[in-house]
């Protein structure tokens, strides 16, 4: 059983790292955890949603944001799809100049798909980071 003031202070300091709905659930779990688990939770290295948003904006096209959230499979897929999308975008420019419309259209579609994927990940990165942090703390509490 933990001190309510200590738990509330911890959650107040880390409120930007969790979804609001998860904070209420965490409060109950933290109040009822043992001292060893409480100490382990306080040592957990949470990921900053803002930092991950910046990484997603700058290096998200390489799948770095997904790798940081332990989404290795989709990180590799995003890396391959988006890199091919960049090359397709470059090829699209040259193919449209040379009027090879079939390949140019294919390359343009591939490029647009890659950019949409990147944009969706940028928009979702903050939410995914907060969910990741919650799962991380719950995993520590359940061990």
C-alpha atoms as a PDB file:
ATOM      1  CA  UNK A   1       0.000   0.000   0.000  1.00  0.00           C
ATOM      2  CA  UNK A   2       1.536   3.270  -1.130  1.00  0.00           C
ATOM      3  CA  UNK A   3       1.132   6.805   0.154  1.00  0.00           C
ATOM      4  CA  UNK A   4      -1.542   8.598  -1.855  1.00  0.00           C
ATOM      5  CA  UNK A   5       0.498  11.815  -1.937  1.00  0.00           C
ATOM      6  CA  UNK A   6       3.524  10.016  -3.411  1.00  0.00           C
ATOM      7  CA  UNK A   7       1.385   8.354  -6.075  1.00  0.00           C
ATOM      8  CA  UNK A   8      -0.409  11.592  -6.962  1.00  0.00           C
ATOM      9  CA  UNK A   9       2.912  13.431  -7.172  1.00  0.00           C
ATOM     10  CA  UNK A  10       4.342  10.760  -9.475  1.00  0.00           C
ATOM     11  CA  UNK A  11       1.267  10.896 -11.725  1.00  0.00           C
ATOM     12  CA  UNK A  12       1.247  14.706 -11.739  1.00  0.00           C
ATOM     13  CA  UNK A  13       4.913  14.789 -12.788  1.00  0.00           C
ATOM     14  CA  UNK A  14       4.261  12.248 -15.543  1.00  0.00           C
ATOM     15  CA  UNK A  15       0.765  13.252 -16.671  1.00  0.00           C
ATOM     16  CA  UNK A  16       2.042  14.168 -20.143  1.00  0.00           C
ATOM     17  CA  UNK A  17       3.384  10.629 -20.551  1.00  0.00           C
ATOM     18  CA  UNK A  18       0.030   8.847 -20.200  1.00  0.00           C
ATOM     19  CA  UNK A  19      -3.474   9.126 -21.603  1.00  0.00           C
ATOM     20  CA  UNK A  20      -5.872  10.734 -19.141  1.00  0.00           C
ATOM     21  CA  UNK A  21      -8.027   7.600 -18.928  1.00  0.00           C
ATOM     22  CA  UNK A  22      -4.966   5.501 -18.093  1.00  0.00           C
ATOM     23  CA  UNK A  23      -3.897   7.818 -15.252  1.00  0.00           C
ATOM     24  CA  UNK A  24      -6.972   6.912 -13.216  1.00  0.00           C
ATOM     25  CA  UNK A  25      -6.346   3.203 -13.739  1.00  0.00           C
ATOM     26  CA  UNK A  26      -2.661   3.609 -12.846  1.00  0.00           C
ATOM     27  CA  UNK A  27      -3.566   5.480  -9.662  1.00  0.00           C
ATOM     28  CA  UNK A  28      -5.499   2.465  -8.399  1.00  0.00           C
ATOM     29  CA  UNK A  29      -2.765   0.019  -9.380  1.00  0.00           C
ATOM     30  CA  UNK A  30       0.001   2.143  -7.833  1.00  0.00           C
ATOM     31  CA  UNK A  31      -1.846   2.657  -4.576  1.00  0.00           C
ATOM     32  CA  UNK A  32      -2.154  -1.107  -4.130  1.00  0.00           C
ATOM     33  CA  UNK A  33       1.340  -2.173  -5.245  1.00  0.00           C
ATOM     34  CA  UNK A  34       4.173  -3.374  -3.017  1.00  0.00           C
ATOM     35  CA  UNK A  35       7.156  -1.199  -2.109  1.00  0.00           C
ATOM     36  CA  UNK A  36       9.482  -3.115  -4.452  1.00  0.00           C
ATOM     37  CA  UNK A  37       7.142  -2.652  -7.412  1.00  0.00           C
ATOM     38  CA  UNK A  38       6.660   1.015  -6.521  1.00  0.00           C
ATOM     39  CA  UNK A  39      10.434   1.499  -6.548  1.00  0.00           C
ATOM     40  CA  UNK A  40      10.644  -0.322  -9.886  1.00  0.00           C
ATOM     41  CA  UNK A  41       7.917   1.878 -11.394  1.00  0.00           C
ATOM     42  CA  UNK A  42       9.716   5.030 -10.318  1.00  0.00           C
ATOM     43  CA  UNK A  43      12.833   3.799 -12.137  1.00  0.00           C
ATOM     44  CA  UNK A  44      11.038   3.050 -15.416  1.00  0.00           C
ATOM     45  CA  UNK A  45      12.418   5.161 -18.250  1.00  0.00           C
ATOM     46  CA  UNK A  46       9.292   6.549 -19.931  1.00  0.00           C
ATOM     47  CA  UNK A  47       9.424   7.824 -23.488  1.00  0.00           C
ATOM     48  CA  UNK A  48       8.539  11.447 -24.092  1.00  0.00           C
ATOM     49  CA  UNK A  49       5.576  11.837 -26.467  1.00  0.00           C
ATOM     50  CA  UNK A  50       6.905  15.198 -27.668  1.00  0.00           C
ATOM     51  CA  UNK A  51      10.342  13.757 -28.419  1.00  0.00           C
ATOM     52  CA  UNK A  52       8.791  10.866 -30.307  1.00  0.00           C
ATOM     53  CA  UNK A  53       6.662  13.327 -32.274  1.00  0.00           C
ATOM     54  CA  UNK A  54       9.824  15.168 -33.323  1.00  0.00           C
ATOM     55  CA  UNK A  55      11.495  11.894 -34.238  1.00  0.00           C
ATOM     56  CA  UNK A  56       8.419  10.849 -36.193  1.00  0.00           C
ATOM     57  CA  UNK A  57       8.490  14.138 -38.096  1.00  0.00           C
ATOM     58  CA  UNK A  58      12.194  13.981 -38.870  1.00  0.00           C
ATOM     59  CA  UNK A  59      13.117  10.291 -39.092  1.00  0.00           C
ATOM     60  CA  UNK A  60       9.701   8.672 -39.247  1.00  0.00           C
ATOM     61  CA  UNK A  61      10.108   7.991 -42.936  1.00  0.00           C
ATOM     62  CA  UNK A  62      12.836   5.527 -41.887  1.00  0.00           C
ATOM     63  CA  UNK A  63      10.563   3.788 -39.372  1.00  0.00           C
ATOM     64  CA  UNK A  64      12.616   5.005 -36.390  1.00  0.00           C
ATOM     65  CA  UNK A  65       9.480   5.992 -34.484  1.00  0.00           C
ATOM     66  CA  UNK A  66       8.067   2.477 -34.766  1.00  0.00           C
ATOM     67  CA  UNK A  67      11.355   0.877 -33.718  1.00  0.00           C
ATOM     68  CA  UNK A  68      11.423   3.079 -30.599  1.00  0.00           C
ATOM     69  CA  UNK A  69       7.968   1.803 -29.619  1.00  0.00           C
ATOM     70  CA  UNK A  70       9.074  -1.839 -30.076  1.00  0.00           C
ATOM     71  CA  UNK A  71       7.042  -2.244 -33.265  1.00  0.00           C
ATOM     72  CA  UNK A  72       9.906  -3.920 -35.092  1.00  0.00           C
ATOM     73  CA  UNK A  73       7.917  -5.760 -37.773  1.00  0.00           C
ATOM     74  CA  UNK A  74       5.954  -2.724 -38.912  1.00  0.00           C
ATOM     75  CA  UNK A  75       9.118  -0.623 -38.525  1.00  0.00           C
ATOM     76  CA  UNK A  76      10.928  -2.759 -41.091  1.00  0.00           C
ATOM     77  CA  UNK A  77       7.894  -2.725 -43.376  1.00  0.00           C
ATOM     78  CA  UNK A  78       7.596   1.057 -43.091  1.00  0.00           C
ATOM     79  CA  UNK A  79      11.309   1.442 -43.784  1.00  0.00           C
ATOM     80  CA  UNK A  80      11.029  -0.613 -46.971  1.00  0.00           C
ATOM     81  CA  UNK A  81       7.742   0.877 -48.201  1.00  0.00           C
ATOM     82  CA  UNK A  82       8.664   4.467 -47.482  1.00  0.00           C
ATOM     83  CA  UNK A  83      12.160   4.202 -48.922  1.00  0.00           C
ATOM     84  CA  UNK A  84      10.733   2.669 -52.072  1.00  0.00           C
ATOM     85  CA  UNK A  85       8.174   5.482 -52.003  1.00  0.00           C
ATOM     86  CA  UNK A  86      10.915   8.092 -51.971  1.00  0.00           C
ATOM     87  CA  UNK A  87      12.665   6.411 -54.895  1.00  0.00           C
ATOM     88  CA  UNK A  88       9.303   6.091 -56.639  1.00  0.00           C
ATOM     89  CA  UNK A  89       8.721   9.816 -56.147  1.00  0.00           C
ATOM     90  CA  UNK A  90      12.066  10.623 -57.713  1.00  0.00           C
ATOM     91  CA  UNK A  91      11.417   8.171 -60.543  1.00  0.00           C
ATOM     92  CA  UNK A  92       7.936   9.609 -60.989  1.00  0.00           C
ATOM     93  CA  UNK A  93       9.406  13.014 -61.695  1.00  0.00           C
ATOM     94  CA  UNK A  94      11.705  11.670 -64.398  1.00  0.00           C
ATOM     95  CA  UNK A  95       9.156   9.272 -65.862  1.00  0.00           C
ATOM     96  CA  UNK A  96       6.559  12.025 -66.206  1.00  0.00           C
ATOM     97  CA  UNK A  97       9.153  14.165 -67.946  1.00  0.00           C
ATOM     98  CA  UNK A  98       9.799  11.381 -70.438  1.00  0.00           C
ATOM     99  CA  UNK A  99       6.057  10.713 -70.827  1.00  0.00           C
ATOM    100  CA  UNK A 100       6.039   7.056 -69.786  1.00  0.00           C
ATOM    101  CA  UNK A 101       2.627   7.399 -68.213  1.00  0.00           C
ATOM    102  CA  UNK A 102       2.063   3.841 -66.937  1.00  0.00           C
ATOM    103  CA  UNK A 103       5.199   3.644 -64.792  1.00  0.00           C
ATOM    104  CA  UNK A 104       4.939   7.284 -63.815  1.00  0.00           C
ATOM    105  CA  UNK A 105       1.440   6.750 -62.439  1.00  0.00           C
ATOM    106  CA  UNK A 106       2.531   3.617 -60.571  1.00  0.00           C
ATOM    107  CA  UNK A 107       5.466   5.467 -59.019  1.00  0.00           C
ATOM    108  CA  UNK A 108       3.247   8.403 -58.074  1.00  0.00           C
ATOM    109  CA  UNK A 109       0.752   6.106 -56.332  1.00  0.00           C
ATOM    110  CA  UNK A 110       3.559   4.349 -54.430  1.00  0.00           C
ATOM    111  CA  UNK A 111       4.972   7.725 -53.357  1.00  0.00           C
ATOM    112  CA  UNK A 112       1.552   8.956 -52.164  1.00  0.00           C
ATOM    113  CA  UNK A 113       0.947   5.765 -50.169  1.00  0.00           C
ATOM    114  CA  UNK A 114       4.328   6.120 -48.447  1.00  0.00           C
ATOM    115  CA  UNK A 115       3.694   9.765 -47.596  1.00  0.00           C
ATOM    116  CA  UNK A 116       0.210   9.044 -46.242  1.00  0.00           C
ATOM    117  CA  UNK A 117       1.639   6.296 -44.041  1.00  0.00           C
ATOM    118  CA  UNK A 118       4.278   8.710 -42.720  1.00  0.00           C
ATOM    119  CA  UNK A 119       1.667  11.410 -42.059  1.00  0.00           C
ATOM    120  CA  UNK A 120      -0.671   9.017 -40.207  1.00  0.00           C
ATOM    121  CA  UNK A 121       2.217   7.863 -38.026  1.00  0.00           C
ATOM    122  CA  UNK A 122       3.133  11.473 -37.231  1.00  0.00           C
ATOM    123  CA  UNK A 123      -0.454  12.146 -36.165  1.00  0.00           C
ATOM    124  CA  UNK A 124      -0.637   8.985 -34.042  1.00  0.00           C
ATOM    125  CA  UNK A 125       2.851   9.076 -32.489  1.00  0.00           C
ATOM    126  CA  UNK A 126       1.847  10.952 -29.317  1.00  0.00           C
ATOM    127  CA  UNK A 127      -1.062   8.600 -28.574  1.00  0.00           C
ATOM    128  CA  UNK A 128       1.025   5.510 -29.302  1.00  0.00           C
ATOM    129  CA  UNK A 129       3.817   6.745 -27.027  1.00  0.00           C
ATOM    130  CA  UNK A 130       1.400   7.312 -24.145  1.00  0.00           C
ATOM    131  CA  UNK A 131      -0.078   3.842 -24.654  1.00  0.00           C
ATOM    132  CA  UNK A 132       3.445   2.371 -24.763  1.00  0.00           C
ATOM    133  CA  UNK A 133       4.329   4.071 -21.467  1.00  0.00           C
ATOM    134  CA  UNK A 134       1.178   2.755 -19.825  1.00  0.00           C
ATOM    135  CA  UNK A 135       1.895  -0.806 -20.968  1.00  0.00           C
ATOM    136  CA  UNK A 136       5.466  -0.461 -19.738  1.00  0.00           C
ATOM    137  CA  UNK A 137       4.372   0.545 -16.223  1.00  0.00           C
ATOM    138  CA  UNK A 138       1.655  -2.124 -16.086  1.00  0.00           C
ATOM    139  CA  UNK A 139       4.205  -4.737 -17.150  1.00  0.00           C
ATOM    140  CA  UNK A 140       6.464  -3.697 -14.271  1.00  0.00           C
ATOM    141  CA  UNK A 141       3.543  -3.835 -11.839  1.00  0.00           C
ATOM    142  CA  UNK A 142       2.518  -7.325 -12.960  1.00  0.00           C
ATOM    143  CA  UNK A 143       5.975  -8.893 -12.791  1.00  0.00           C
END
